[in-house]
Amino acid sequence: MFTNKHVVVALLVAPVLSIIAWFAIGNFIGEEAKPAVPGEAYPLVEKSNCRYASGLCDLENQDVKLALTLDESVGLALELNASHPVEAVLMSVSHPGRDPGPRPMQRADANGLKWRMPLANIPGEDQRIRIVISIDDSAYFADASTRFLQEED
């Protein structure tokens, strides 16, 4: 069967053509990202580094990117760094089912790219971070694990 040169060429060309077709269909028919509409709410996706003790948790939605870290330089605080200027941030760190409600974060720079929230202690592994931010009158929300704040095992 593999002695026929037409079969050999077909076996080499078919995978290449299928990959080209995959990308071509994605470009012609695929859904395009649309800009955020003021007054609407959009979810932020919790990236994989939030699920292990990395010290960093990335949250994304298209071009809006947030990074959460623990800042111990001025006491214990949760720090948020944003890719776009943020108008306001509400955050809660709590156990599931026992959420005391969100608290506003304090702006840490003039541009609205860095925000801080003081913490009494490092949140436990079973706690969750719930966050809502406002950018250009659009709301972005996330529910993230606190595993990234834990010590390495």
N, C-alpha and C. Protein backbone atom coordinates (compact mmCIF):
# COMPACT_ATOMS: atom_id res chain seq x y z
N MET A 1 0.82 -1.19 0.00
CA MET A 1 0.00 0.00 0.00
C MET A 1 0.87 1.27 0.00
N PHE A 2 1.97 1.30 0.79
CA PHE A 2 2.82 2.48 0.86
C PHE A 2 3.83 2.54 -0.29
N THR A 3 3.72 1.63 -1.22
CA THR A 3 4.61 1.69 -2.38
C THR A 3 4.03 2.59 -3.47
N ASN A 4 2.75 2.87 -3.38
CA ASN A 4 2.11 3.76 -4.35
C ASN A 4 2.41 5.21 -3.93
N LYS A 5 3.05 5.98 -4.85
CA LYS A 5 3.44 7.35 -4.52
C LYS A 5 2.25 8.28 -4.30
N HIS A 6 1.10 7.98 -4.92
CA HIS A 6 -0.08 8.81 -4.72
C HIS A 6 -0.63 8.69 -3.29
N VAL A 7 -0.57 7.50 -2.73
CA VAL A 7 -1.02 7.28 -1.35
C VAL A 7 -0.09 7.99 -0.37
N VAL A 8 1.19 7.90 -0.62
CA VAL A 8 2.17 8.54 0.25
C VAL A 8 1.99 10.07 0.23
N VAL A 9 1.82 10.66 -0.94
CA VAL A 9 1.61 12.11 -1.05
C VAL A 9 0.31 12.50 -0.37
N ALA A 10 -0.74 11.72 -0.53
CA ALA A 10 -2.03 12.02 0.11
C ALA A 10 -1.90 11.98 1.63
N LEU A 11 -1.15 11.02 2.16
CA LEU A 11 -0.96 10.92 3.60
C LEU A 11 -0.15 12.10 4.15
N LEU A 12 0.71 12.69 3.35
CA LEU A 12 1.49 13.84 3.79
C LEU A 12 0.72 15.16 3.63
N VAL A 13 -0.07 15.29 2.58
CA VAL A 13 -0.76 16.54 2.28
C VAL A 13 -2.05 16.70 3.09
N ALA A 14 -2.77 15.65 3.36
CA ALA A 14 -4.07 15.74 4.04
C ALA A 14 -3.99 16.43 5.41
N PRO A 15 -3.04 16.09 6.28
CA PRO A 15 -2.99 16.79 7.58
C PRO A 15 -2.70 18.29 7.42
N VAL A 16 -1.85 18.65 6.48
CA VAL A 16 -1.52 20.06 6.25
C VAL A 16 -2.75 20.81 5.77
N LEU A 17 -3.49 20.24 4.84
CA LEU A 17 -4.71 20.87 4.34
C LEU A 17 -5.77 21.00 5.44
N SER A 18 -5.87 20.03 6.32
CA SER A 18 -6.87 20.11 7.40
C SER A 18 -6.53 21.22 8.39
N ILE A 19 -5.25 21.42 8.68
CA ILE A 19 -4.84 22.50 9.59
C ILE A 19 -5.11 23.86 8.94
N ILE A 20 -4.80 24.00 7.67
CA ILE A 20 -5.07 25.25 6.96
C ILE A 20 -6.57 25.53 6.94
N ALA A 21 -7.39 24.52 6.70
CA ALA A 21 -8.85 24.70 6.69
C ALA A 21 -9.36 25.11 8.06
N TRP A 22 -8.81 24.54 9.13
CA TRP A 22 -9.21 24.90 10.50
C TRP A 22 -9.03 26.40 10.75
N PHE A 23 -7.85 26.92 10.42
CA PHE A 23 -7.59 28.35 10.63
C PHE A 23 -8.39 29.23 9.68
N ALA A 24 -8.57 28.80 8.45
CA ALA A 24 -9.33 29.60 7.48
C ALA A 24 -10.78 29.74 7.92
N ILE A 25 -11.39 28.67 8.39
CA ILE A 25 -12.78 28.74 8.84
C ILE A 25 -12.88 29.61 10.09
N GLY A 26 -11.91 29.52 10.98
CA GLY A 26 -11.91 30.37 12.17
C GLY A 26 -11.82 31.85 11.82
N ASN A 27 -11.04 32.18 10.81
CA ASN A 27 -10.89 33.58 10.40
C ASN A 27 -12.12 34.11 9.67
N PHE A 28 -12.75 33.29 8.85
CA PHE A 28 -13.89 33.76 8.05
C PHE A 28 -15.21 33.71 8.80
N ILE A 29 -15.41 32.69 9.62
CA ILE A 29 -16.70 32.48 10.27
C ILE A 29 -16.64 32.71 11.78
N GLY A 30 -15.44 32.70 12.36
CA GLY A 30 -15.29 32.80 13.81
C GLY A 30 -15.87 34.08 14.39
N GLU A 31 -16.25 33.99 15.65
CA GLU A 31 -16.83 35.13 16.36
C GLU A 31 -15.75 36.15 16.69
N GLU A 32 -16.02 37.41 16.43
CA GLU A 32 -15.07 38.46 16.72
C GLU A 32 -15.41 39.12 18.06
N ALA A 33 -14.38 39.54 18.77
CA ALA A 33 -14.59 40.22 20.05
C ALA A 33 -15.21 41.59 19.80
N LYS A 34 -16.15 41.95 20.66
CA LYS A 34 -16.81 43.24 20.55
C LYS A 34 -16.42 44.09 21.74
N PRO A 35 -16.36 45.42 21.57
CA PRO A 35 -16.01 46.27 22.71
C PRO A 35 -17.08 46.21 23.81
N ALA A 36 -16.65 46.48 25.02
CA ALA A 36 -17.58 46.46 26.16
C ALA A 36 -18.60 47.58 26.03
N VAL A 37 -19.84 47.27 26.38
CA VAL A 37 -20.94 48.22 26.32
C VAL A 37 -21.13 48.82 27.71
N PRO A 38 -21.16 50.15 27.82
CA PRO A 38 -21.39 50.76 29.14
C PRO A 38 -22.70 50.27 29.75
N GLY A 39 -22.65 49.98 31.05
CA GLY A 39 -23.83 49.50 31.75
C GLY A 39 -23.96 47.99 31.79
N GLU A 40 -23.15 47.27 31.02
CA GLU A 40 -23.19 45.80 31.01
C GLU A 40 -22.15 45.23 31.97
N ALA A 41 -22.32 43.97 32.35
CA ALA A 41 -21.39 43.28 33.25
C ALA A 41 -20.74 42.11 32.50
N TYR A 42 -19.46 41.92 32.73
CA TYR A 42 -18.70 40.89 32.03
C TYR A 42 -17.88 40.08 33.04
N PRO A 43 -17.82 38.75 32.88
CA PRO A 43 -17.04 37.93 33.80
C PRO A 43 -15.55 38.00 33.48
N LEU A 44 -14.73 37.88 34.50
CA LEU A 44 -13.29 37.76 34.35
C LEU A 44 -12.93 36.29 34.57
N VAL A 45 -12.08 35.74 33.73
CA VAL A 45 -11.69 34.34 33.81
C VAL A 45 -10.50 34.19 34.75
N GLU A 46 -10.62 33.26 35.67
CA GLU A 46 -9.54 32.94 36.61
C GLU A 46 -8.51 32.07 35.88
N LYS A 47 -7.28 32.54 35.76
CA LYS A 47 -6.24 31.79 35.07
C LYS A 47 -5.69 30.69 35.97
N SER A 48 -4.91 29.79 35.40
CA SER A 48 -4.45 28.61 36.13
C SER A 48 -3.52 28.92 37.29
N ASN A 49 -2.80 30.06 37.27
CA ASN A 49 -1.89 30.34 38.38
C ASN A 49 -2.62 30.67 39.68
N CYS A 50 -3.94 30.85 39.63
CA CYS A 50 -4.73 31.09 40.85
C CYS A 50 -4.95 29.79 41.62
N ARG A 51 -4.75 28.66 40.97
CA ARG A 51 -5.09 27.38 41.58
C ARG A 51 -3.93 26.69 42.26
N TYR A 52 -2.75 27.32 42.29
CA TYR A 52 -1.63 26.77 43.04
C TYR A 52 -0.85 27.91 43.70
N ALA A 53 0.01 27.59 44.62
CA ALA A 53 0.71 28.59 45.43
C ALA A 53 1.76 29.33 44.60
N SER A 54 1.30 30.23 43.73
CA SER A 54 2.21 30.95 42.84
C SER A 54 2.52 32.35 43.32
N GLY A 55 1.69 32.89 44.24
CA GLY A 55 1.87 34.26 44.69
C GLY A 55 1.22 35.28 43.77
N LEU A 56 0.63 34.82 42.67
CA LEU A 56 0.01 35.70 41.68
C LEU A 56 -1.25 35.05 41.14
N CYS A 57 -2.30 35.85 40.96
CA CYS A 57 -3.54 35.36 40.37
C CYS A 57 -3.94 36.31 39.24
N ASP A 58 -3.99 35.80 38.02
CA ASP A 58 -4.37 36.61 36.87
C ASP A 58 -5.85 36.38 36.55
N LEU A 59 -6.55 37.47 36.28
CA LEU A 59 -7.96 37.45 35.88
C LEU A 59 -8.05 38.21 34.56
N GLU A 60 -8.76 37.63 33.56
CA GLU A 60 -8.80 38.24 32.23
C GLU A 60 -10.18 38.19 31.62
N ASN A 61 -10.43 39.17 30.74
CA ASN A 61 -11.57 39.17 29.84
C ASN A 61 -11.13 39.98 28.63
N GLN A 62 -10.83 39.30 27.55
CA GLN A 62 -10.35 39.93 26.32
C GLN A 62 -9.15 40.82 26.61
N ASP A 63 -9.28 42.15 26.58
CA ASP A 63 -8.13 43.01 26.79
C ASP A 63 -8.01 43.53 28.23
N VAL A 64 -8.98 43.26 29.08
CA VAL A 64 -8.92 43.67 30.48
C VAL A 64 -8.20 42.57 31.27
N LYS A 65 -7.09 42.95 31.88
CA LYS A 65 -6.29 41.98 32.63
C LYS A 65 -6.03 42.54 34.03
N LEU A 66 -6.22 41.69 35.03
CA LEU A 66 -5.96 42.05 36.42
C LEU A 66 -4.96 41.06 37.00
N ALA A 67 -4.12 41.53 37.91
CA ALA A 67 -3.18 40.66 38.61
C ALA A 67 -3.33 40.93 40.10
N LEU A 68 -3.61 39.88 40.87
CA LEU A 68 -3.72 39.98 42.33
C LEU A 68 -2.47 39.39 42.96
N THR A 69 -1.90 40.14 43.92
CA THR A 69 -0.74 39.66 44.66
C THR A 69 -0.88 40.08 46.12
N LEU A 70 -0.06 39.48 46.96
CA LEU A 70 -0.03 39.85 48.37
C LEU A 70 1.14 40.81 48.57
N ASP A 71 0.86 42.00 49.11
CA ASP A 71 1.88 43.01 49.35
C ASP A 71 2.13 43.10 50.85
N GLU A 72 3.35 42.76 51.25
CA GLU A 72 3.70 42.78 52.67
C GLU A 72 4.67 43.92 52.99
N SER A 73 4.87 44.84 52.05
CA SER A 73 5.81 45.94 52.26
C SER A 73 5.26 47.00 53.21
N VAL A 74 3.95 47.21 53.21
CA VAL A 74 3.31 48.22 54.08
C VAL A 74 2.26 47.54 54.95
N GLY A 75 2.61 46.46 55.58
CA GLY A 75 1.62 45.66 56.30
C GLY A 75 1.07 44.62 55.33
N LEU A 76 0.09 43.90 55.76
CA LEU A 76 -0.49 42.84 54.94
C LEU A 76 -1.63 43.43 54.11
N ALA A 77 -1.49 43.34 52.78
CA ALA A 77 -2.53 43.90 51.91
C ALA A 77 -2.61 43.09 50.63
N LEU A 78 -3.80 43.02 50.08
CA LEU A 78 -4.03 42.40 48.78
C LEU A 78 -3.93 43.51 47.75
N GLU A 79 -3.06 43.32 46.75
CA GLU A 79 -2.83 44.35 45.75
C GLU A 79 -3.37 43.91 44.40
N LEU A 80 -4.03 44.83 43.71
CA LEU A 80 -4.58 44.57 42.39
C LEU A 80 -3.91 45.51 41.39
N ASN A 81 -3.36 44.95 40.32
CA ASN A 81 -2.77 45.73 39.24
C ASN A 81 -3.61 45.50 37.99
N ALA A 82 -4.06 46.58 37.36
CA ALA A 82 -4.96 46.49 36.21
C ALA A 82 -4.27 46.96 34.94
N SER A 83 -4.74 46.45 33.81
CA SER A 83 -4.20 46.86 32.51
C SER A 83 -4.81 48.16 32.02
N HIS A 84 -5.99 48.52 32.53
CA HIS A 84 -6.69 49.74 32.16
C HIS A 84 -7.02 50.53 33.43
N PRO A 85 -7.15 51.85 33.33
CA PRO A 85 -7.53 52.63 34.51
C PRO A 85 -8.90 52.19 35.04
N VAL A 86 -8.95 51.91 36.33
CA VAL A 86 -10.16 51.41 36.98
C VAL A 86 -10.79 52.56 37.77
N GLU A 87 -12.11 52.67 37.67
CA GLU A 87 -12.83 53.74 38.37
C GLU A 87 -13.10 53.39 39.83
N ALA A 88 -13.48 52.14 40.09
CA ALA A 88 -13.78 51.70 41.45
C ALA A 88 -13.61 50.19 41.56
N VAL A 89 -13.29 49.72 42.77
CA VAL A 89 -13.12 48.28 43.01
C VAL A 89 -13.81 47.91 44.32
N LEU A 90 -14.63 46.88 44.27
CA LEU A 90 -15.23 46.28 45.47
C LEU A 90 -14.71 44.86 45.57
N MET A 91 -14.29 44.46 46.78
CA MET A 91 -13.74 43.13 46.96
C MET A 91 -14.16 42.55 48.30
N SER A 92 -14.37 41.23 48.31
CA SER A 92 -14.57 40.54 49.58
C SER A 92 -13.73 39.28 49.57
N VAL A 93 -13.20 38.95 50.72
CA VAL A 93 -12.45 37.71 50.93
C VAL A 93 -13.18 36.97 52.03
N SER A 94 -13.83 35.87 51.68
CA SER A 94 -14.69 35.22 52.67
C SER A 94 -14.85 33.73 52.39
N HIS A 95 -15.47 33.05 53.35
CA HIS A 95 -15.82 31.65 53.22
C HIS A 95 -17.09 31.54 52.37
N PRO A 96 -17.22 30.47 51.59
CA PRO A 96 -18.45 30.29 50.83
C PRO A 96 -19.66 30.21 51.76
N GLY A 97 -20.70 30.94 51.43
CA GLY A 97 -21.91 30.93 52.25
C GLY A 97 -21.89 31.90 53.41
N ARG A 98 -20.73 32.48 53.73
CA ARG A 98 -20.63 33.44 54.84
C ARG A 98 -19.95 34.71 54.36
N ASP A 99 -20.50 35.34 53.34
CA ASP A 99 -19.90 36.54 52.76
C ASP A 99 -20.41 37.77 53.51
N PRO A 100 -19.52 38.51 54.20
CA PRO A 100 -19.96 39.69 54.94
C PRO A 100 -20.27 40.88 54.03
N GLY A 101 -20.01 40.75 52.76
CA GLY A 101 -20.24 41.84 51.83
C GLY A 101 -18.94 42.46 51.37
N PRO A 102 -18.96 43.10 50.23
CA PRO A 102 -17.72 43.66 49.69
C PRO A 102 -17.31 44.95 50.39
N ARG A 103 -16.01 45.22 50.33
CA ARG A 103 -15.44 46.47 50.83
C ARG A 103 -14.73 47.15 49.67
N PRO A 104 -14.72 48.47 49.65
CA PRO A 104 -13.99 49.16 48.58
C PRO A 104 -12.49 49.06 48.80
N MET A 105 -11.76 48.90 47.71
CA MET A 105 -10.30 48.93 47.76
C MET A 105 -9.85 50.38 47.65
N GLN A 106 -8.65 50.66 48.19
CA GLN A 106 -8.10 52.00 48.12
C GLN A 106 -7.18 52.13 46.91
N ARG A 107 -7.32 53.25 46.22
CA ARG A 107 -6.45 53.53 45.07
C ARG A 107 -5.03 53.72 45.59
N ALA A 108 -4.04 53.08 44.92
CA ALA A 108 -2.65 53.16 45.35
C ALA A 108 -1.79 53.99 44.39
N ASP A 109 -2.39 54.46 43.30
CA ASP A 109 -1.68 55.35 42.38
C ASP A 109 -2.66 56.34 41.76
N ALA A 110 -2.13 57.35 41.09
CA ALA A 110 -2.97 58.40 40.52
C ALA A 110 -3.72 57.96 39.27
N ASN A 111 -3.23 56.94 38.58
CA ASN A 111 -3.82 56.51 37.32
C ASN A 111 -4.98 55.52 37.48
N GLY A 112 -5.14 54.95 38.65
CA GLY A 112 -6.18 53.95 38.87
C GLY A 112 -5.79 52.57 38.37
N LEU A 113 -4.49 52.33 38.22
CA LEU A 113 -4.01 51.02 37.77
C LEU A 113 -3.64 50.11 38.94
N LYS A 114 -3.41 50.68 40.13
CA LYS A 114 -3.00 49.89 41.29
C LYS A 114 -3.93 50.19 42.45
N TRP A 115 -4.44 49.12 43.07
CA TRP A 115 -5.38 49.24 44.18
C TRP A 115 -4.93 48.31 45.31
N ARG A 116 -5.26 48.67 46.57
CA ARG A 116 -4.89 47.84 47.73
C ARG A 116 -6.06 47.70 48.69
N MET A 117 -6.10 46.55 49.37
CA MET A 117 -7.05 46.33 50.44
C MET A 117 -6.30 45.69 51.60
N PRO A 118 -6.23 46.37 52.76
CA PRO A 118 -5.55 45.79 53.92
C PRO A 118 -6.26 44.52 54.39
N LEU A 119 -5.46 43.57 54.85
CA LEU A 119 -5.98 42.30 55.37
C LEU A 119 -5.51 42.11 56.80
N ALA A 120 -6.35 41.50 57.62
CA ALA A 120 -5.97 41.20 59.00
C ALA A 120 -5.00 40.01 59.04
N ASN A 121 -5.22 39.03 58.15
CA ASN A 121 -4.35 37.86 58.06
C ASN A 121 -4.44 37.28 56.65
N ILE A 122 -3.57 36.35 56.35
CA ILE A 122 -3.60 35.71 55.03
C ILE A 122 -4.84 34.81 54.96
N PRO A 123 -5.65 34.96 53.93
CA PRO A 123 -6.87 34.15 53.82
C PRO A 123 -6.56 32.66 53.75
N GLY A 124 -7.45 31.86 54.32
CA GLY A 124 -7.30 30.42 54.29
C GLY A 124 -7.58 29.86 52.91
N GLU A 125 -7.15 28.63 52.70
CA GLU A 125 -7.30 27.99 51.39
C GLU A 125 -8.76 27.78 51.00
N ASP A 126 -9.65 27.68 51.98
CA ASP A 126 -11.07 27.45 51.68
C ASP A 126 -11.83 28.75 51.41
N GLN A 127 -11.17 29.88 51.55
CA GLN A 127 -11.83 31.16 51.29
C GLN A 127 -11.77 31.51 49.81
N ARG A 128 -12.64 32.43 49.39
CA ARG A 128 -12.72 32.87 48.00
C ARG A 128 -12.59 34.39 47.94
N ILE A 129 -12.07 34.86 46.84
CA ILE A 129 -12.00 36.30 46.57
C ILE A 129 -13.08 36.62 45.56
N ARG A 130 -13.94 37.55 45.91
CA ARG A 130 -14.98 38.03 44.99
C ARG A 130 -14.67 39.49 44.71
N ILE A 131 -14.65 39.83 43.43
CA ILE A 131 -14.23 41.18 43.05
C ILE A 131 -15.13 41.72 41.95
N VAL A 132 -15.41 43.00 42.02
CA VAL A 132 -16.15 43.72 40.98
C VAL A 132 -15.38 45.01 40.72
N ILE A 133 -15.08 45.27 39.44
CA ILE A 133 -14.40 46.51 39.09
C ILE A 133 -15.23 47.26 38.05
N SER A 134 -15.01 48.54 37.98
CA SER A 134 -15.70 49.39 37.01
C SER A 134 -14.66 50.06 36.11
N ILE A 135 -14.79 49.82 34.80
CA ILE A 135 -13.93 50.44 33.80
C ILE A 135 -14.83 51.04 32.73
N ASP A 136 -14.74 52.33 32.52
CA ASP A 136 -15.54 53.03 31.50
C ASP A 136 -17.03 52.69 31.60
N ASP A 137 -17.56 52.71 32.80
CA ASP A 137 -18.97 52.44 33.09
C ASP A 137 -19.41 51.01 32.77
N SER A 138 -18.47 50.10 32.57
CA SER A 138 -18.77 48.68 32.43
C SER A 138 -18.26 47.97 33.68
N ALA A 139 -18.99 46.96 34.11
CA ALA A 139 -18.60 46.21 35.31
C ALA A 139 -17.97 44.88 34.90
N TYR A 140 -16.92 44.50 35.61
CA TYR A 140 -16.26 43.21 35.42
C TYR A 140 -16.22 42.54 36.78
N PHE A 141 -16.54 41.24 36.82
CA PHE A 141 -16.62 40.53 38.10
C PHE A 141 -15.89 39.20 38.02
N ALA A 142 -15.43 38.73 39.19
CA ALA A 142 -14.72 37.45 39.26
C ALA A 142 -14.89 36.83 40.63
N ASP A 143 -14.74 35.52 40.66
CA ASP A 143 -14.73 34.73 41.88
C ASP A 143 -13.48 33.86 41.79
N ALA A 144 -12.48 34.11 42.62
CA ALA A 144 -11.19 33.44 42.50
C ALA A 144 -10.80 32.72 43.78
N SER A 145 -9.98 31.72 43.62
CA SER A 145 -9.44 30.94 44.73
C SER A 145 -8.37 31.76 45.46
N THR A 146 -8.16 31.46 46.74
CA THR A 146 -7.07 32.09 47.49
C THR A 146 -5.87 31.15 47.59
N ARG A 147 -5.88 30.08 46.87
CA ARG A 147 -4.79 29.10 46.90
C ARG A 147 -3.45 29.75 46.53
N PHE A 148 -3.46 30.76 45.65
CA PHE A 148 -2.22 31.40 45.22
C PHE A 148 -1.53 32.15 46.36
N LEU A 149 -2.26 32.45 47.45
CA LEU A 149 -1.69 33.16 48.59
C LEU A 149 -1.06 32.22 49.62
N GLN A 150 -1.27 30.93 49.48
CA GLN A 150 -0.80 29.96 50.47
C GLN A 150 0.70 29.68 50.31
N GLU A 151 1.31 29.19 51.37
CA GLU A 151 2.71 28.81 51.35
C GLU A 151 2.89 27.56 50.53
N GLU A 152 4.07 27.44 49.90
CA GLU A 152 4.40 26.22 49.13
C GLU A 152 4.43 25.02 50.06
N ASP A 153 3.93 23.90 49.57
CA ASP A 153 3.94 22.66 50.37
C ASP A 153 5.26 21.96 50.28
